[in-house]
Amino acid sequence: MKPKIIKNRKEHSGALSRIEKLMDAAPGSPEEEELELWALLVERYEEENFPMDLPDPVEAIKFRMEQEGLRQKDLEKFFPGKSRVSEILNHKRALSIGMIRALHRGLGIPAEVLIREVAA
């Protein structure tokens, strides 16, 4: 199978099969280059055909807390007052622009995720 733009599910399935066969390619080999090309083609097809919504801001914060091993107390530096952390994490208060900026800079959560409306 020769690399080409993926246009349907059958081609997508074939591309995934080819990727699986190339997974053990030696670094720097032509097979590794082919693997990288197939991965890009599959990524493009999946982004166009299986778009993912951005996560809820509070869920994104909780996920980052879990990733970093953080507790609620660790978030206090991003919020004006200790009680705000609990209010935010319990969906009782919306994030302010200042909080969004602080969380974006401090935890690396994309601002585009943090500005979304919180699902109640």
N, C-alpha and C. Protein backbone atom coordinates (compact mmCIF):
# COMPACT_ATOMS: atom_id res chain seq x y z
N MET A 1 0.85 -1.18 0.00
CA MET A 1 0.00 0.00 0.00
C MET A 1 0.89 1.23 0.00
N LYS A 2 0.59 2.13 -0.90
CA LYS A 2 1.38 3.34 -1.05
C LYS A 2 0.69 4.48 -0.29
N PRO A 3 1.47 5.31 0.46
CA PRO A 3 0.86 6.42 1.20
C PRO A 3 0.12 7.38 0.28
N LYS A 4 -1.10 7.76 0.70
CA LYS A 4 -1.91 8.72 -0.04
C LYS A 4 -2.92 9.33 0.92
N ILE A 5 -3.56 10.41 0.47
CA ILE A 5 -4.58 11.06 1.28
C ILE A 5 -5.70 10.06 1.56
N ILE A 6 -6.07 9.93 2.83
CA ILE A 6 -7.12 9.00 3.24
C ILE A 6 -8.47 9.69 3.07
N LYS A 7 -9.39 9.01 2.35
CA LYS A 7 -10.67 9.63 2.02
C LYS A 7 -11.89 8.90 2.57
N ASN A 8 -11.71 7.67 3.08
CA ASN A 8 -12.87 6.93 3.60
C ASN A 8 -12.42 5.94 4.67
N ARG A 9 -13.42 5.29 5.27
CA ARG A 9 -13.13 4.37 6.38
C ARG A 9 -12.28 3.17 5.95
N LYS A 10 -12.52 2.70 4.75
CA LYS A 10 -11.75 1.54 4.26
C LYS A 10 -10.27 1.91 4.15
N GLU A 11 -10.00 3.07 3.57
CA GLU A 11 -8.61 3.53 3.46
C GLU A 11 -8.01 3.79 4.85
N HIS A 12 -8.81 4.32 5.75
CA HIS A 12 -8.36 4.57 7.13
C HIS A 12 -7.96 3.26 7.79
N SER A 13 -8.80 2.25 7.64
CA SER A 13 -8.50 0.94 8.22
C SER A 13 -7.22 0.35 7.63
N GLY A 14 -7.06 0.48 6.32
CA GLY A 14 -5.84 -0.01 5.66
C GLY A 14 -4.61 0.73 6.16
N ALA A 15 -4.74 2.04 6.35
CA ALA A 15 -3.61 2.83 6.85
C ALA A 15 -3.23 2.42 8.26
N LEU A 16 -4.22 2.16 9.10
CA LEU A 16 -3.94 1.71 10.47
C LEU A 16 -3.23 0.35 10.47
N SER A 17 -3.63 -0.51 9.56
CA SER A 17 -2.97 -1.82 9.44
C SER A 17 -1.51 -1.66 9.03
N ARG A 18 -1.29 -0.76 8.09
CA ARG A 18 0.09 -0.51 7.63
C ARG A 18 0.94 0.07 8.76
N ILE A 19 0.36 0.99 9.52
CA ILE A 19 1.08 1.58 10.66
C ILE A 19 1.47 0.49 11.64
N GLU A 20 0.54 -0.42 11.91
CA GLU A 20 0.82 -1.51 12.85
C GLU A 20 2.02 -2.35 12.38
N LYS A 21 2.10 -2.60 11.09
CA LYS A 21 3.20 -3.39 10.54
C LYS A 21 4.53 -2.65 10.62
N LEU A 22 4.47 -1.32 10.60
CA LEU A 22 5.69 -0.51 10.60
C LEU A 22 6.15 -0.08 11.99
N MET A 23 5.41 -0.43 13.03
CA MET A 23 5.70 0.06 14.37
C MET A 23 7.10 -0.27 14.89
N ASP A 24 7.69 -1.34 14.43
CA ASP A 24 9.02 -1.72 14.89
C ASP A 24 10.13 -1.28 13.94
N ALA A 25 9.85 -0.29 13.12
CA ALA A 25 10.83 0.19 12.16
C ALA A 25 12.07 0.73 12.87
N ALA A 26 13.22 0.46 12.31
CA ALA A 26 14.48 0.94 12.88
C ALA A 26 14.60 2.45 12.71
N PRO A 27 15.10 3.14 13.74
CA PRO A 27 15.28 4.59 13.62
C PRO A 27 16.14 4.95 12.41
N GLY A 28 15.68 5.95 11.67
CA GLY A 28 16.42 6.42 10.50
C GLY A 28 16.21 5.60 9.25
N SER A 29 15.42 4.56 9.32
CA SER A 29 15.20 3.70 8.16
C SER A 29 14.09 4.26 7.27
N PRO A 30 14.03 3.79 6.02
CA PRO A 30 12.93 4.20 5.13
C PRO A 30 11.56 3.81 5.70
N GLU A 31 11.54 2.68 6.42
CA GLU A 31 10.29 2.24 7.04
C GLU A 31 9.83 3.22 8.12
N GLU A 32 10.77 3.79 8.86
CA GLU A 32 10.40 4.76 9.87
C GLU A 32 9.82 6.02 9.20
N GLU A 33 10.40 6.44 8.11
CA GLU A 33 9.87 7.59 7.37
C GLU A 33 8.47 7.31 6.86
N GLU A 34 8.26 6.10 6.37
CA GLU A 34 6.93 5.71 5.90
C GLU A 34 5.93 5.71 7.07
N LEU A 35 6.36 5.22 8.22
CA LEU A 35 5.52 5.21 9.41
C LEU A 35 5.09 6.63 9.79
N GLU A 36 6.04 7.56 9.78
CA GLU A 36 5.74 8.96 10.12
C GLU A 36 4.73 9.55 9.13
N LEU A 37 4.90 9.24 7.86
CA LEU A 37 3.98 9.74 6.84
C LEU A 37 2.58 9.18 7.04
N TRP A 38 2.47 7.87 7.29
CA TRP A 38 1.17 7.27 7.54
C TRP A 38 0.51 7.87 8.78
N ALA A 39 1.31 8.10 9.81
CA ALA A 39 0.76 8.68 11.05
C ALA A 39 0.17 10.07 10.78
N LEU A 40 0.85 10.87 9.98
CA LEU A 40 0.34 12.19 9.63
C LEU A 40 -0.95 12.10 8.82
N LEU A 41 -0.99 11.18 7.88
CA LEU A 41 -2.18 11.01 7.05
C LEU A 41 -3.38 10.56 7.89
N VAL A 42 -3.14 9.63 8.81
CA VAL A 42 -4.22 9.15 9.68
C VAL A 42 -4.68 10.27 10.61
N GLU A 43 -3.74 11.02 11.17
CA GLU A 43 -4.08 12.13 12.06
C GLU A 43 -4.98 13.14 11.33
N ARG A 44 -4.61 13.48 10.12
CA ARG A 44 -5.40 14.43 9.33
C ARG A 44 -6.81 13.91 9.09
N TYR A 45 -6.93 12.66 8.70
CA TYR A 45 -8.24 12.06 8.45
C TYR A 45 -9.09 12.05 9.72
N GLU A 46 -8.49 11.65 10.83
CA GLU A 46 -9.23 11.56 12.09
C GLU A 46 -9.65 12.94 12.60
N GLU A 47 -8.80 13.94 12.43
CA GLU A 47 -9.18 15.30 12.86
C GLU A 47 -10.38 15.81 12.06
N GLU A 48 -10.43 15.48 10.79
CA GLU A 48 -11.52 15.94 9.93
C GLU A 48 -12.81 15.14 10.15
N ASN A 49 -12.68 13.86 10.44
CA ASN A 49 -13.84 12.98 10.50
C ASN A 49 -14.30 12.60 11.90
N PHE A 50 -13.46 12.79 12.88
CA PHE A 50 -13.81 12.46 14.26
C PHE A 50 -13.39 13.61 15.18
N PRO A 51 -13.96 14.80 14.96
CA PRO A 51 -13.54 15.95 15.78
C PRO A 51 -13.90 15.74 17.25
N MET A 52 -13.04 16.24 18.12
CA MET A 52 -13.26 16.13 19.56
C MET A 52 -13.58 17.50 20.12
N ASP A 53 -14.60 17.55 20.97
CA ASP A 53 -14.92 18.79 21.64
C ASP A 53 -13.87 19.07 22.72
N LEU A 54 -13.70 20.34 23.00
CA LEU A 54 -12.81 20.72 24.10
C LEU A 54 -13.46 20.30 25.41
N PRO A 55 -12.65 19.95 26.41
CA PRO A 55 -13.22 19.53 27.69
C PRO A 55 -13.80 20.70 28.48
N ASP A 56 -14.63 20.37 29.42
CA ASP A 56 -15.16 21.33 30.38
C ASP A 56 -13.97 21.91 31.15
N PRO A 57 -13.95 23.23 31.40
CA PRO A 57 -12.81 23.84 32.09
C PRO A 57 -12.50 23.22 33.45
N VAL A 58 -13.54 22.95 34.23
CA VAL A 58 -13.32 22.36 35.56
C VAL A 58 -12.74 20.96 35.43
N GLU A 59 -13.23 20.19 34.47
CA GLU A 59 -12.69 18.85 34.27
C GLU A 59 -11.24 18.91 33.80
N ALA A 60 -10.91 19.92 33.01
CA ALA A 60 -9.52 20.10 32.57
C ALA A 60 -8.62 20.43 33.76
N ILE A 61 -9.11 21.25 34.67
CA ILE A 61 -8.33 21.59 35.88
C ILE A 61 -8.13 20.33 36.72
N LYS A 62 -9.19 19.58 36.93
CA LYS A 62 -9.10 18.35 37.73
C LYS A 62 -8.15 17.34 37.08
N PHE A 63 -8.21 17.25 35.77
CA PHE A 63 -7.31 16.33 35.05
C PHE A 63 -5.85 16.74 35.25
N ARG A 64 -5.58 18.05 35.13
CA ARG A 64 -4.21 18.52 35.32
C ARG A 64 -3.76 18.29 36.76
N MET A 65 -4.67 18.48 37.71
CA MET A 65 -4.34 18.22 39.12
C MET A 65 -3.93 16.77 39.29
N GLU A 66 -4.68 15.87 38.68
CA GLU A 66 -4.37 14.44 38.76
C GLU A 66 -3.01 14.14 38.11
N GLN A 67 -2.78 14.72 36.94
CA GLN A 67 -1.51 14.51 36.23
C GLN A 67 -0.32 14.95 37.07
N GLU A 68 -0.47 16.10 37.73
CA GLU A 68 0.65 16.70 38.47
C GLU A 68 0.68 16.29 39.93
N GLY A 69 -0.30 15.51 40.37
CA GLY A 69 -0.36 15.11 41.77
C GLY A 69 -0.66 16.28 42.69
N LEU A 70 -1.49 17.21 42.23
CA LEU A 70 -1.80 18.41 43.00
C LEU A 70 -3.06 18.20 43.84
N ARG A 71 -3.13 18.94 44.95
CA ARG A 71 -4.31 18.96 45.80
C ARG A 71 -4.97 20.32 45.66
N GLN A 72 -6.17 20.44 46.20
CA GLN A 72 -6.87 21.73 46.13
C GLN A 72 -6.01 22.84 46.72
N LYS A 73 -5.33 22.54 47.79
CA LYS A 73 -4.48 23.53 48.47
C LYS A 73 -3.41 24.08 47.51
N ASP A 74 -2.93 23.23 46.60
CA ASP A 74 -1.89 23.65 45.66
C ASP A 74 -2.41 24.67 44.64
N LEU A 75 -3.72 24.75 44.47
CA LEU A 75 -4.30 25.68 43.50
C LEU A 75 -4.57 27.06 44.08
N GLU A 76 -4.44 27.21 45.38
CA GLU A 76 -4.77 28.47 46.03
C GLU A 76 -3.99 29.65 45.46
N LYS A 77 -2.79 29.41 44.98
CA LYS A 77 -1.99 30.52 44.43
C LYS A 77 -2.55 31.07 43.12
N PHE A 78 -3.47 30.32 42.49
CA PHE A 78 -4.07 30.77 41.23
C PHE A 78 -5.41 31.48 41.44
N PHE A 79 -5.92 31.49 42.66
CA PHE A 79 -7.24 32.02 42.95
C PHE A 79 -7.18 33.08 44.06
N PRO A 80 -8.08 34.06 44.01
CA PRO A 80 -8.12 35.09 45.06
C PRO A 80 -8.92 34.57 46.27
N GLY A 81 -8.26 33.92 47.18
CA GLY A 81 -8.93 33.40 48.36
C GLY A 81 -9.04 31.89 48.33
N LYS A 82 -8.91 31.28 49.51
CA LYS A 82 -8.91 29.82 49.62
C LYS A 82 -10.24 29.19 49.22
N SER A 83 -11.34 29.87 49.55
CA SER A 83 -12.65 29.27 49.28
C SER A 83 -12.96 29.21 47.78
N ARG A 84 -12.28 30.02 46.98
CA ARG A 84 -12.55 30.05 45.53
C ARG A 84 -12.21 28.72 44.86
N VAL A 85 -11.17 28.06 45.33
CA VAL A 85 -10.78 26.79 44.72
C VAL A 85 -11.95 25.81 44.80
N SER A 86 -12.50 25.66 45.97
CA SER A 86 -13.63 24.76 46.17
C SER A 86 -14.84 25.19 45.35
N GLU A 87 -15.12 26.48 45.34
CA GLU A 87 -16.27 26.98 44.57
C GLU A 87 -16.12 26.68 43.09
N ILE A 88 -14.92 26.87 42.57
CA ILE A 88 -14.67 26.60 41.14
C ILE A 88 -14.79 25.11 40.86
N LEU A 89 -14.13 24.29 41.66
CA LEU A 89 -14.12 22.85 41.41
C LEU A 89 -15.48 22.20 41.61
N ASN A 90 -16.36 22.86 42.34
CA ASN A 90 -17.72 22.35 42.55
C ASN A 90 -18.76 23.04 41.67
N HIS A 91 -18.27 23.74 40.65
CA HIS A 91 -19.15 24.41 39.68
C HIS A 91 -20.06 25.46 40.31
N LYS A 92 -19.64 26.06 41.40
CA LYS A 92 -20.47 27.08 42.06
C LYS A 92 -20.07 28.49 41.66
N ARG A 93 -18.95 28.64 41.00
CA ARG A 93 -18.48 29.95 40.58
C ARG A 93 -17.73 29.78 39.26
N ALA A 94 -17.87 30.77 38.39
CA ALA A 94 -17.17 30.74 37.10
C ALA A 94 -15.75 31.28 37.26
N LEU A 95 -14.89 30.88 36.36
CA LEU A 95 -13.53 31.39 36.35
C LEU A 95 -13.53 32.84 35.87
N SER A 96 -12.72 33.66 36.51
CA SER A 96 -12.55 35.04 36.05
C SER A 96 -11.40 35.08 35.05
N ILE A 97 -11.26 36.19 34.36
CA ILE A 97 -10.15 36.35 33.41
C ILE A 97 -8.81 36.19 34.12
N GLY A 98 -8.70 36.77 35.31
CA GLY A 98 -7.45 36.65 36.08
C GLY A 98 -7.13 35.21 36.43
N MET A 99 -8.14 34.45 36.83
CA MET A 99 -7.94 33.04 37.16
C MET A 99 -7.53 32.26 35.92
N ILE A 100 -8.19 32.55 34.80
CA ILE A 100 -7.88 31.86 33.54
C ILE A 100 -6.42 32.12 33.16
N ARG A 101 -6.00 33.36 33.26
CA ARG A 101 -4.61 33.69 32.92
C ARG A 101 -3.64 32.97 33.86
N ALA A 102 -3.95 32.97 35.16
CA ALA A 102 -3.06 32.33 36.13
C ALA A 102 -2.98 30.82 35.90
N LEU A 103 -4.11 30.19 35.64
CA LEU A 103 -4.11 28.74 35.39
C LEU A 103 -3.40 28.40 34.08
N HIS A 104 -3.60 29.24 33.10
CA HIS A 104 -2.92 29.03 31.81
C HIS A 104 -1.40 29.12 31.99
N ARG A 105 -0.95 30.17 32.64
CA ARG A 105 0.51 30.33 32.86
C ARG A 105 1.07 29.31 33.83
N GLY A 106 0.36 29.08 34.92
CA GLY A 106 0.88 28.22 35.97
C GLY A 106 0.78 26.73 35.72
N LEU A 107 -0.30 26.31 35.06
CA LEU A 107 -0.51 24.87 34.85
C LEU A 107 -0.45 24.46 33.39
N GLY A 108 -0.36 25.46 32.50
CA GLY A 108 -0.25 25.14 31.08
C GLY A 108 -1.54 24.64 30.45
N ILE A 109 -2.67 24.91 31.09
CA ILE A 109 -3.95 24.53 30.50
C ILE A 109 -4.27 25.55 29.41
N PRO A 110 -4.60 25.09 28.21
CA PRO A 110 -4.88 26.04 27.13
C PRO A 110 -5.99 27.01 27.50
N ALA A 111 -5.77 28.28 27.23
CA ALA A 111 -6.77 29.31 27.53
C ALA A 111 -8.07 29.02 26.80
N GLU A 112 -7.98 28.46 25.62
CA GLU A 112 -9.18 28.14 24.83
C GLU A 112 -10.07 27.14 25.56
N VAL A 113 -9.48 26.27 26.38
CA VAL A 113 -10.26 25.34 27.20
C VAL A 113 -10.87 26.06 28.39
N LEU A 114 -10.08 26.90 29.03
CA LEU A 114 -10.52 27.57 30.26
C LEU A 114 -11.62 28.61 30.04
N ILE A 115 -11.71 29.17 28.83
CA ILE A 115 -12.73 30.21 28.59
C ILE A 115 -14.10 29.62 28.24
N ARG A 116 -14.16 28.33 28.03
CA ARG A 116 -15.44 27.70 27.71
C ARG A 116 -16.40 27.83 28.88
N GLU A 117 -17.69 27.80 28.57
CA GLU A 117 -18.70 27.81 29.63
C GLU A 117 -18.62 26.50 30.39
N VAL A 118 -18.76 26.60 31.69
CA VAL A 118 -18.70 25.42 32.55
C VAL A 118 -20.01 24.66 32.46
N ALA A 119 -19.91 23.35 32.27
CA ALA A 119 -21.11 22.52 32.26
C ALA A 119 -21.58 22.36 33.69
N ALA A 120 -22.81 22.72 33.96
CA ALA A 120 -23.35 22.65 35.33
C ALA A 120 -23.84 21.27 35.67
